[in-house]
Amino acid sequence: MADIKAADVAKLRQMTGAGMMDCKQALTETNGDFDLAIDILRKKGQKIASKRAGRVAAEGAVIAKTNGDNTFGVLIVLNCETDFVAKNEDFVKKAHAIADAALASRPASLDALKQLVIGGHTIDSEVTNLTGVTGEKVELSFFRSLESPMVIPYIHPGNRLATLVSLNKRVADIQVAKDVAMQVAAMAPVAVTKDCVPQNIIDKELEIGRAQALQEGKPEAIVDKIAQGKLAKYFKESTLLSQDFIKDHKITVADYLAHNDKELTVLDFVRFTLND
């Protein structure tokens, strides 16, 4: 049995908005597993504030950049222990330098990125040096790249959240692409369309939908139908092209793109957020 600390209970409460006792009970039932505890709270109908769509880290800088013609983009995460270091100008410059190196060399993986050379040293050794300079653990923890006819980055002020979005063709008005990148940042979709949602997520949503229906006292005979309805709502709220457009809730993101170009669509996206 895991030792459930008060800090863990408080963290789960912050992630979900559920009550302290409910959070403690969920963590106890799951032996301290946060993901399973969140599922338990959802099944019980407890409030869940966190979409959990972005990856979670501690502190640091999340940087997204593209090359000059917006056909290739990268997103990197340089972690540290405190917000004080994360906001340090030299730390942020180093994160940008790493992103620039990734843009120039197009490494195939995070490990390959760490072996690139900047300032006469490998990025891996530069990160190790930052640990000595700051007195904190510094780690290059995440790297993704996208390539397509048009790739657009977005970095939310404070460098705690960034996105990359790739489109199937170029758009004359670059603001259209920027709007979609901001949509990804604000609404944290899990996939571009429902066809892109992994089966394990679909199965989990159906399971949660059934559990919620039973919790609400619905007849067993209609539980599956209710779960399918909840899944359809999940697809609407959690897949990018089906989401309400943040600048005009009367249309979807797909509608917004079609209004600009009937053939325009999103190929892929990357979103990373630091834990708030």
C-alpha atoms as a PDB file:
ATOM      1  CA  MET A   1       0.000   0.000   0.000  1.00  0.00           C
ATOM      2  CA  ALA A   2       1.462   3.336  -1.063  1.00  0.00           C
ATOM      3  CA  ASP A   3       1.924   6.098   1.483  1.00  0.00           C
ATOM      4  CA  ILE A   4      -0.595   8.717   0.343  1.00  0.00           C
ATOM      5  CA  LYS A   5       0.893  12.091   1.224  1.00  0.00           C
ATOM      6  CA  ALA A   6      -1.130  15.234   1.760  1.00  0.00           C
ATOM      7  CA  ALA A   7       0.831  16.857  -1.075  1.00  0.00           C
ATOM      8  CA  ASP A   8      -0.326  14.107  -3.451  1.00  0.00           C
ATOM      9  CA  VAL A   9      -3.944  14.605  -2.430  1.00  0.00           C
ATOM     10  CA  ALA A  10      -3.594  18.363  -2.942  1.00  0.00           C
ATOM     11  CA  LYS A  11      -2.008  17.807  -6.353  1.00  0.00           C
ATOM     12  CA  LEU A  12      -4.863  15.546  -7.490  1.00  0.00           C
ATOM     13  CA  ARG A  13      -7.385  18.082  -6.212  1.00  0.00           C
ATOM     14  CA  GLN A  14      -5.638  20.803  -8.218  1.00  0.00           C
ATOM     15  CA  MET A  15      -5.653  18.599 -11.335  1.00  0.00           C
ATOM     16  CA  THR A  16      -9.311  17.592 -11.086  1.00  0.00           C
ATOM     17  CA  GLY A  17     -11.221  20.023  -8.894  1.00  0.00           C
ATOM     18  CA  ALA A  18     -12.639  17.086  -6.896  1.00  0.00           C
ATOM     19  CA  GLY A  19     -12.989  17.156  -3.098  1.00  0.00           C
ATOM     20  CA  MET A  20     -10.038  16.400  -0.833  1.00  0.00           C
ATOM     21  CA  MET A  21     -11.592  13.254   0.674  1.00  0.00           C
ATOM     22  CA  ASP A  22     -12.608  11.976  -2.766  1.00  0.00           C
ATOM     23  CA  CYS A  23      -9.058  12.539  -4.003  1.00  0.00           C
ATOM     24  CA  LYS A  24      -7.542  10.773  -1.010  1.00  0.00           C
ATOM     25  CA  GLN A  25      -9.876   7.804  -1.424  1.00  0.00           C
ATOM     26  CA  ALA A  26      -9.128   7.557  -5.167  1.00  0.00           C
ATOM     27  CA  LEU A  27      -5.381   7.609  -4.555  1.00  0.00           C
ATOM     28  CA  THR A  28      -5.728   5.005  -1.826  1.00  0.00           C
ATOM     29  CA  GLU A  29      -7.749   2.717  -4.108  1.00  0.00           C
ATOM     30  CA  THR A  30      -5.168   3.025  -6.902  1.00  0.00           C
ATOM     31  CA  ASN A  31      -2.103   2.743  -4.675  1.00  0.00           C
ATOM     32  CA  GLY A  32      -1.025   6.274  -5.587  1.00  0.00           C
ATOM     33  CA  ASP A  33      -1.500   6.022  -9.385  1.00  0.00           C
ATOM     34  CA  PHE A  34      -2.681   9.479 -10.529  1.00  0.00           C
ATOM     35  CA  ASP A  35      -4.045   8.402 -13.932  1.00  0.00           C
ATOM     36  CA  LEU A  36      -6.111   5.586 -12.441  1.00  0.00           C
ATOM     37  CA  ALA A  37      -7.273   7.883  -9.639  1.00  0.00           C
ATOM     38  CA  ILE A  38      -8.507  10.422 -12.200  1.00  0.00           C
ATOM     39  CA  ASP A  39     -10.436   7.669 -13.978  1.00  0.00           C
ATOM     40  CA  ILE A  40     -12.078   6.653 -10.702  1.00  0.00           C
ATOM     41  CA  LEU A  41     -13.123  10.239 -10.011  1.00  0.00           C
ATOM     42  CA  ARG A  42     -14.579  10.559 -13.506  1.00  0.00           C
ATOM     43  CA  LYS A  43     -16.550   7.351 -13.116  1.00  0.00           C
ATOM     44  CA  LYS A  44     -17.989   8.677  -9.861  1.00  0.00           C
ATOM     45  CA  GLY A  45     -18.989  11.867 -11.647  1.00  0.00           C
ATOM     46  CA  GLN A  46     -16.550  14.077  -9.769  1.00  0.00           C
ATOM     47  CA  LYS A  47     -15.543  17.379 -11.347  1.00  0.00           C
ATOM     48  CA  ILE A  48     -12.503  17.063 -13.615  1.00  0.00           C
ATOM     49  CA  ALA A  49     -10.844  20.339 -14.525  1.00  0.00           C
ATOM     50  CA  SER A  50      -7.759  18.939 -16.203  1.00  0.00           C
ATOM     51  CA  LYS A  51      -8.008  17.760 -19.830  1.00  0.00           C
ATOM     52  CA  ARG A  52      -4.654  16.004 -19.395  1.00  0.00           C
ATOM     53  CA  ALA A  53      -4.042  16.393 -23.135  1.00  0.00           C
ATOM     54  CA  GLY A  54      -0.612  17.936 -22.828  1.00  0.00           C
ATOM     55  CA  ARG A  55       2.388  16.237 -21.453  1.00  0.00           C
ATOM     56  CA  VAL A  56       3.262  17.113 -17.829  1.00  0.00           C
ATOM     57  CA  ALA A  57       6.625  18.329 -16.572  1.00  0.00           C
ATOM     58  CA  ALA A  58       7.939  20.451 -13.698  1.00  0.00           C
ATOM     59  CA  GLU A  59       9.335  23.895 -14.607  1.00  0.00           C
ATOM     60  CA  GLY A  60      11.218  25.092 -17.659  1.00  0.00           C
ATOM     61  CA  ALA A  61      10.730  26.524 -21.134  1.00  0.00           C
ATOM     62  CA  VAL A  62       8.575  25.106 -23.936  1.00  0.00           C
ATOM     63  CA  ILE A  63       9.739  26.452 -27.288  1.00  0.00           C
ATOM     64  CA  ALA A  64       8.140  25.995 -30.717  1.00  0.00           C
ATOM     65  CA  LYS A  65       9.772  27.393 -33.871  1.00  0.00           C
ATOM     66  CA  THR A  66       9.651  26.982 -37.640  1.00  0.00           C
ATOM     67  CA  ASN A  67      12.073  27.565 -40.495  1.00  0.00           C
ATOM     68  CA  GLY A  68      11.861  30.602 -42.759  1.00  0.00           C
ATOM     69  CA  ASP A  69       9.252  29.266 -45.159  1.00  0.00           C
ATOM     70  CA  ASN A  70       7.120  27.577 -42.478  1.00  0.00           C
ATOM     71  CA  THR A  71       7.494  24.090 -43.925  1.00  0.00           C
ATOM     72  CA  PHE A  72       9.303  22.531 -40.960  1.00  0.00           C
ATOM     73  CA  GLY A  73       8.838  23.107 -37.260  1.00  0.00           C
ATOM     74  CA  VAL A  74      10.144  21.841 -33.929  1.00  0.00           C
ATOM     75  CA  LEU A  75       8.955  21.861 -30.341  1.00  0.00           C
ATOM     76  CA  ILE A  76      11.426  21.313 -27.500  1.00  0.00           C
ATOM     77  CA  VAL A  77      11.152  21.323 -23.713  1.00  0.00           C
ATOM     78  CA  LEU A  78      14.063  22.305 -21.474  1.00  0.00           C
ATOM     79  CA  ASN A  79      13.219  21.535 -17.852  1.00  0.00           C
ATOM     80  CA  CYS A  80      14.523  22.914 -14.568  1.00  0.00           C
ATOM     81  CA  GLU A  81      13.369  22.766 -10.958  1.00  0.00           C
ATOM     82  CA  THR A  82      12.107  26.279 -10.214  1.00  0.00           C
ATOM     83  CA  ASP A  83      10.184  29.041 -11.915  1.00  0.00           C
ATOM     84  CA  PHE A  84      13.016  31.408 -10.973  1.00  0.00           C
ATOM     85  CA  VAL A  85      15.473  29.589 -13.265  1.00  0.00           C
ATOM     86  CA  ALA A  86      12.838  29.020 -15.953  1.00  0.00           C
ATOM     87  CA  LYS A  87      12.402  32.782 -16.321  1.00  0.00           C
ATOM     88  CA  ASN A  88      16.142  33.483 -16.379  1.00  0.00           C
ATOM     89  CA  GLU A  89      17.136  35.154 -19.660  1.00  0.00           C
ATOM     90  CA  ASP A  90      20.154  32.899 -20.236  1.00  0.00           C
ATOM     91  CA  PHE A  91      18.075  29.778 -19.623  1.00  0.00           C
ATOM     92  CA  VAL A  92      15.442  30.864 -22.156  1.00  0.00           C
ATOM     93  CA  LYS A  93      18.154  31.791 -24.676  1.00  0.00           C
ATOM     94  CA  LYS A  94      19.643  28.321 -24.315  1.00  0.00           C
ATOM     95  CA  ALA A  95      16.248  26.756 -24.981  1.00  0.00           C
ATOM     96  CA  HIS A  96      15.901  28.846 -28.134  1.00  0.00           C
ATOM     97  CA  ALA A  97      19.424  27.892 -29.223  1.00  0.00           C
ATOM     98  CA  ILE A  98      18.538  24.211 -28.867  1.00  0.00           C
ATOM     99  CA  ALA A  99      15.394  24.733 -30.941  1.00  0.00           C
ATOM    100  CA  ASP A 100      17.425  26.557 -33.595  1.00  0.00           C
ATOM    101  CA  ALA A 101      19.873  23.640 -33.744  1.00  0.00           C
ATOM    102  CA  ALA A 102      16.964  21.252 -34.194  1.00  0.00           C
ATOM    103  CA  LEU A 103      15.593  23.382 -37.021  1.00  0.00           C
ATOM    104  CA  ALA A 104      18.946  23.470 -38.773  1.00  0.00           C
ATOM    105  CA  SER A 105      19.856  19.786 -38.437  1.00  0.00           C
ATOM    106  CA  ARG A 106      16.453  18.070 -38.294  1.00  0.00           C
ATOM    107  CA  PRO A 107      17.450  15.273 -35.892  1.00  0.00           C
ATOM    108  CA  ALA A 108      15.375  12.097 -35.984  1.00  0.00           C
ATOM    109  CA  SER A 109      14.954  11.758 -32.219  1.00  0.00           C
ATOM    110  CA  LEU A 110      15.502  13.374 -28.837  1.00  0.00           C
ATOM    111  CA  ASP A 111      18.711  11.381 -28.379  1.00  0.00           C
ATOM    112  CA  ALA A 112      19.964  12.579 -31.774  1.00  0.00           C
ATOM    113  CA  LEU A 113      19.147  16.164 -30.812  1.00  0.00           C
ATOM    114  CA  LYS A 114      21.215  15.838 -27.641  1.00  0.00           C
ATOM    115  CA  GLN A 115      24.259  14.897 -29.728  1.00  0.00           C
ATOM    116  CA  LEU A 116      24.119  18.015 -31.927  1.00  0.00           C
ATOM    117  CA  VAL A 117      26.860  20.568 -31.323  1.00  0.00           C
ATOM    118  CA  ILE A 118      26.230  24.188 -30.341  1.00  0.00           C
ATOM    119  CA  GLY A 119      28.943  26.544 -29.116  1.00  0.00           C
ATOM    120  CA  GLY A 120      31.584  23.852 -29.546  1.00  0.00           C
ATOM    121  CA  HIS A 121      29.841  21.368 -27.238  1.00  0.00           C
ATOM    122  CA  THR A 122      27.116  18.783 -27.603  1.00  0.00           C
ATOM    123  CA  ILE A 123      23.696  19.879 -26.476  1.00  0.00           C
ATOM    124  CA  ASP A 124      23.819  17.107 -23.884  1.00  0.00           C
ATOM    125  CA  SER A 125      26.963  18.586 -22.333  1.00  0.00           C
ATOM    126  CA  GLU A 126      25.538  22.122 -22.570  1.00  0.00           C
ATOM    127  CA  VAL A 127      22.521  20.967 -20.573  1.00  0.00           C
ATOM    128  CA  THR A 128      24.796  19.322 -18.007  1.00  0.00           C
ATOM    129  CA  ASN A 129      26.736  22.580 -17.758  1.00  0.00           C
ATOM    130  CA  LEU A 130      23.484  24.439 -17.080  1.00  0.00           C
ATOM    131  CA  THR A 131      22.935  22.173 -14.098  1.00  0.00           C
ATOM    132  CA  GLY A 132      26.256  23.344 -12.666  1.00  0.00           C
ATOM    133  CA  VAL A 133      25.523  26.997 -13.430  1.00  0.00           C
ATOM    134  CA  THR A 134      21.997  27.056 -12.012  1.00  0.00           C
ATOM    135  CA  GLY A 135      22.452  24.593  -9.175  1.00  0.00           C
ATOM    136  CA  GLU A 136      19.296  22.826 -10.351  1.00  0.00           C
ATOM    137  CA  LYS A 137      18.634  19.673 -12.294  1.00  0.00           C
ATOM    138  CA  VAL A 138      18.260  20.703 -15.957  1.00  0.00           C
ATOM    139  CA  GLU A 139      16.996  18.250 -18.544  1.00  0.00           C
ATOM    140  CA  LEU A 140      16.113  18.326 -22.223  1.00  0.00           C
ATOM    141  CA  SER A 141      13.012  16.139 -21.938  1.00  0.00           C
ATOM    142  CA  PHE A 142      10.974  16.433 -25.125  1.00  0.00           C
ATOM    143  CA  PHE A 143      11.413  16.949 -28.871  1.00  0.00           C
ATOM    144  CA  ARG A 144       9.008  16.655 -31.770  1.00  0.00           C
ATOM    145  CA  SER A 145       9.083  17.953 -35.324  1.00  0.00           C
ATOM    146  CA  LEU A 146       6.500  18.391 -38.062  1.00  0.00           C
ATOM    147  CA  GLU A 147       6.957  18.874 -41.792  1.00  0.00           C
ATOM    148  CA  SER A 148       4.244  19.790 -44.304  1.00  0.00           C
ATOM    149  CA  PRO A 149       3.334  22.491 -46.850  1.00  0.00           C
ATOM    150  CA  MET A 150       2.710  24.803 -43.872  1.00  0.00           C
ATOM    151  CA  VAL A 151       3.701  24.493 -40.212  1.00  0.00           C
ATOM    152  CA  ILE A 152       2.834  27.171 -37.656  1.00  0.00           C
ATOM    153  CA  PRO A 153       4.117  27.523 -34.067  1.00  0.00           C
ATOM    154  CA  TYR A 154       2.524  29.178 -31.073  1.00  0.00           C
ATOM    155  CA  ILE A 155       4.155  29.928 -27.723  1.00  0.00           C
ATOM    156  CA  HIS A 156       1.898  31.142 -24.942  1.00  0.00           C
ATOM    157  CA  PRO A 157       3.378  34.050 -22.949  1.00  0.00           C
ATOM    158  CA  GLY A 158       5.633  32.698 -20.210  1.00  0.00           C
ATOM    159  CA  ASN A 159       6.997  29.758 -22.250  1.00  0.00           C
ATOM    160  CA  ARG A 160       4.934  27.209 -20.319  1.00  0.00           C
ATOM    161  CA  LEU A 161       2.774  26.099 -23.235  1.00  0.00           C
ATOM    162  CA  ALA A 162       3.516  25.769 -26.938  1.00  0.00           C
ATOM    163  CA  THR A 163       1.992  24.144 -29.997  1.00  0.00           C
ATOM    164  CA  LEU A 164       2.865  23.208 -33.577  1.00  0.00           C
ATOM    165  CA  VAL A 165       0.239  22.702 -36.265  1.00  0.00           C
ATOM    166  CA  SER A 166       0.784  21.316 -39.757  1.00  0.00           C
ATOM    167  CA  LEU A 167      -1.609  22.052 -42.623  1.00  0.00           C
ATOM    168  CA  ASN A 168      -2.081  20.207 -45.902  1.00  0.00           C
ATOM    169  CA  LYS A 169      -1.469  23.338 -47.991  1.00  0.00           C
ATOM    170  CA  ARG A 170      -0.263  26.899 -47.661  1.00  0.00           C
ATOM    171  CA  VAL A 171      -2.675  29.696 -46.809  1.00  0.00           C
ATOM    172  CA  ALA A 172      -2.408  33.252 -48.068  1.00  0.00           C
ATOM    173  CA  ASP A 173      -3.509  34.656 -44.718  1.00  0.00           C
ATOM    174  CA  ILE A 174      -1.074  33.257 -42.139  1.00  0.00           C
ATOM    175  CA  GLN A 175      -3.437  34.365 -39.355  1.00  0.00           C
ATOM    176  CA  VAL A 176      -5.674  31.435 -40.273  1.00  0.00           C
ATOM    177  CA  ALA A 177      -2.915  28.988 -39.378  1.00  0.00           C
ATOM    178  CA  LYS A 178      -2.044  30.964 -36.244  1.00  0.00           C
ATOM    179  CA  ASP A 179      -5.666  30.815 -35.119  1.00  0.00           C
ATOM    180  CA  VAL A 180      -5.608  27.019 -35.336  1.00  0.00           C
ATOM    181  CA  ALA A 181      -2.342  26.847 -33.383  1.00  0.00           C
ATOM    182  CA  MET A 182      -3.947  28.998 -30.685  1.00  0.00           C
ATOM    183  CA  GLN A 183      -7.019  26.733 -30.745  1.00  0.00           C
ATOM    184  CA  VAL A 184      -4.807  23.743 -29.976  1.00  0.00           C
ATOM    185  CA  ALA A 185      -3.206  25.655 -27.114  1.00  0.00           C
ATOM    186  CA  ALA A 186      -6.506  26.805 -25.626  1.00  0.00           C
ATOM    187  CA  MET A 187      -8.680  23.724 -26.118  1.00  0.00           C
ATOM    188  CA  ALA A 188      -6.156  20.855 -25.803  1.00  0.00           C
ATOM    189  CA  PRO A 189      -7.621  18.442 -28.368  1.00  0.00           C
ATOM    190  CA  VAL A 190      -6.575  14.804 -28.169  1.00  0.00           C
ATOM    191  CA  ALA A 191      -6.531  14.237 -31.944  1.00  0.00           C
ATOM    192  CA  VAL A 192      -7.280  15.935 -35.270  1.00  0.00           C
ATOM    193  CA  THR A 193     -10.471  13.922 -35.914  1.00  0.00           C
ATOM    194  CA  LYS A 194     -12.356  11.109 -34.181  1.00  0.00           C
ATOM    195  CA  ASP A 195     -10.757   8.655 -36.620  1.00  0.00           C
ATOM    196  CA  CYS A 196      -7.375   9.551 -35.116  1.00  0.00           C
ATOM    197  CA  VAL A 197      -8.367   8.849 -31.500  1.00  0.00           C
ATOM    198  CA  PRO A 198      -6.586   5.691 -30.256  1.00  0.00           C
ATOM    199  CA  GLN A 199      -8.863   2.730 -29.553  1.00  0.00           C
ATOM    200  CA  ASN A 200      -7.690   2.470 -25.950  1.00  0.00           C
ATOM    201  CA  ILE A 201      -8.964   6.022 -25.311  1.00  0.00           C
ATOM    202  CA  ILE A 202     -12.302   5.205 -26.954  1.00  0.00           C
ATOM    203  CA  ASP A 203     -12.629   2.070 -24.821  1.00  0.00           C
ATOM    204  CA  LYS A 204     -11.836   4.044 -21.684  1.00  0.00           C
ATOM    205  CA  GLU A 205     -14.402   6.761 -22.508  1.00  0.00           C
ATOM    206  CA  LEU A 206     -17.078   4.120 -23.119  1.00  0.00           C
ATOM    207  CA  GLU A 207     -16.225   2.445 -19.820  1.00  0.00           C
ATOM    208  CA  ILE A 208     -16.430   5.766 -17.988  1.00  0.00           C
ATOM    209  CA  GLY A 209     -19.701   6.615 -19.760  1.00  0.00           C
ATOM    210  CA  ARG A 210     -21.265   3.320 -18.667  1.00  0.00           C
ATOM    211  CA  ALA A 211     -20.050   3.779 -15.086  1.00  0.00           C
ATOM    212  CA  GLN A 212     -21.481   7.314 -14.970  1.00  0.00           C
ATOM    213  CA  ALA A 213     -24.832   6.129 -16.320  1.00  0.00           C
ATOM    214  CA  LEU A 214     -25.052   3.403 -13.702  1.00  0.00           C
ATOM    215  CA  GLN A 215     -24.006   5.890 -11.022  1.00  0.00           C
ATOM    216  CA  GLU A 216     -26.919   8.089 -12.118  1.00  0.00           C
ATOM    217  CA  GLY A 217     -29.302   5.153 -11.731  1.00  0.00           C
ATOM    218  CA  LYS A 218     -30.046   4.665 -15.444  1.00  0.00           C
ATOM    219  CA  PRO A 219     -31.588   1.326 -16.511  1.00  0.00           C
ATOM    220  CA  GLU A 220     -29.060  -1.318 -17.529  1.00  0.00           C
ATOM    221  CA  ALA A 221     -30.787  -1.717 -20.909  1.00  0.00           C
ATOM    222  CA  ILE A 222     -29.883   1.813 -22.041  1.00  0.00           C
ATOM    223  CA  VAL A 223     -26.462   2.143 -20.430  1.00  0.00           C
ATOM    224  CA  ASP A 224     -24.585   1.325 -23.659  1.00  0.00           C
ATOM    225  CA  LYS A 225     -26.655   3.833 -25.635  1.00  0.00           C
ATOM    226  CA  ILE A 226     -25.935   6.529 -23.060  1.00  0.00           C
ATOM    227  CA  ALA A 227     -22.220   5.679 -23.174  1.00  0.00           C
ATOM    228  CA  GLN A 228     -22.244   6.032 -26.968  1.00  0.00           C
ATOM    229  CA  GLY A 229     -23.886   9.435 -26.593  1.00  0.00           C
ATOM    230  CA  LYS A 230     -21.240  10.533 -24.124  1.00  0.00           C
ATOM    231  CA  LEU A 231     -18.557   9.286 -26.536  1.00  0.00           C
ATOM    232  CA  ALA A 232     -20.038  11.389 -29.341  1.00  0.00           C
ATOM    233  CA  LYS A 233     -19.920  14.421 -27.047  1.00  0.00           C
ATOM    234  CA  TYR A 234     -16.311  13.569 -26.187  1.00  0.00           C
ATOM    235  CA  PHE A 235     -15.411  13.477 -29.892  1.00  0.00           C
ATOM    236  CA  LYS A 236     -17.107  16.845 -30.419  1.00  0.00           C
ATOM    237  CA  GLU A 237     -15.273  18.493 -27.541  1.00  0.00           C
ATOM    238  CA  SER A 238     -11.906  16.755 -27.816  1.00  0.00           C
ATOM    239  CA  THR A 239     -11.071  16.406 -31.522  1.00  0.00           C
ATOM    240  CA  LEU A 240      -9.663  19.509 -33.154  1.00  0.00           C
ATOM    241  CA  LEU A 241     -11.714  19.831 -36.344  1.00  0.00           C
ATOM    242  CA  SER A 242     -14.990  19.164 -34.497  1.00  0.00           C
ATOM    243  CA  GLN A 243     -14.367  21.630 -31.670  1.00  0.00           C
ATOM    244  CA  ASP A 244     -16.174  24.966 -31.536  1.00  0.00           C
ATOM    245  CA  PHE A 245     -13.835  27.614 -32.931  1.00  0.00           C
ATOM    246  CA  ILE A 246     -12.571  29.764 -30.058  1.00  0.00           C
ATOM    247  CA  LYS A 247     -13.139  33.040 -31.954  1.00  0.00           C
ATOM    248  CA  ASP A 248     -16.672  32.134 -33.085  1.00  0.00           C
ATOM    249  CA  HIS A 249     -18.526  29.413 -31.184  1.00  0.00           C
ATOM    250  CA  LYS A 250     -21.199  29.231 -33.893  1.00  0.00           C
ATOM    251  CA  ILE A 251     -18.810  27.340 -36.189  1.00  0.00           C
ATOM    252  CA  THR A 252     -16.345  24.481 -35.827  1.00  0.00           C
ATOM    253  CA  VAL A 253     -12.634  24.606 -36.605  1.00  0.00           C
ATOM    254  CA  ALA A 254     -13.364  22.601 -39.764  1.00  0.00           C
ATOM    255  CA  ASP A 255     -15.931  25.247 -40.791  1.00  0.00           C
ATOM    256  CA  TYR A 256     -13.413  28.014 -40.158  1.00  0.00           C
ATOM    257  CA  LEU A 257     -10.821  26.357 -42.387  1.00  0.00           C
ATOM    258  CA  ALA A 258     -13.382  25.656 -45.111  1.00  0.00           C
ATOM    259  CA  HIS A 259     -14.480  29.287 -45.132  1.00  0.00           C
ATOM    260  CA  ASN A 260     -10.917  30.188 -46.091  1.00  0.00           C
ATOM    261  CA  ASP A 261     -10.249  27.250 -48.437  1.00  0.00           C
ATOM    262  CA  LYS A 262     -12.557  24.268 -48.968  1.00  0.00           C
ATOM    263  CA  GLU A 263      -9.551  21.939 -49.331  1.00  0.00           C
ATOM    264  CA  LEU A 264      -7.688  23.218 -46.265  1.00  0.00           C
ATOM    265  CA  THR A 265      -7.324  20.895 -43.278  1.00  0.00           C
ATOM    266  CA  VAL A 266      -5.014  20.006 -40.391  1.00  0.00           C
ATOM    267  CA  LEU A 267      -2.609  17.101 -40.842  1.00  0.00           C
ATOM    268  CA  ASP A 268      -1.162  16.924 -37.339  1.00  0.00           C
ATOM    269  CA  PHE A 269      -0.359  18.918 -34.224  1.00  0.00           C
ATOM    270  CA  VAL A 270       1.908  18.849 -31.195  1.00  0.00           C
ATOM    271  CA  ARG A 271       1.000  20.374 -27.843  1.00  0.00           C
ATOM    272  CA  PHE A 272       3.079  20.471 -24.670  1.00  0.00           C
ATOM    273  CA  THR A 273       2.245  22.208 -21.421  1.00  0.00           C
ATOM    274  CA  LEU A 274       4.126  22.405 -18.147  1.00  0.00           C
ATOM    275  CA  ASN A 275       2.258  21.386 -15.014  1.00  0.00           C
ATOM    276  CA  ASP A 276       0.482  24.386 -13.443  1.00  0.00           C
END
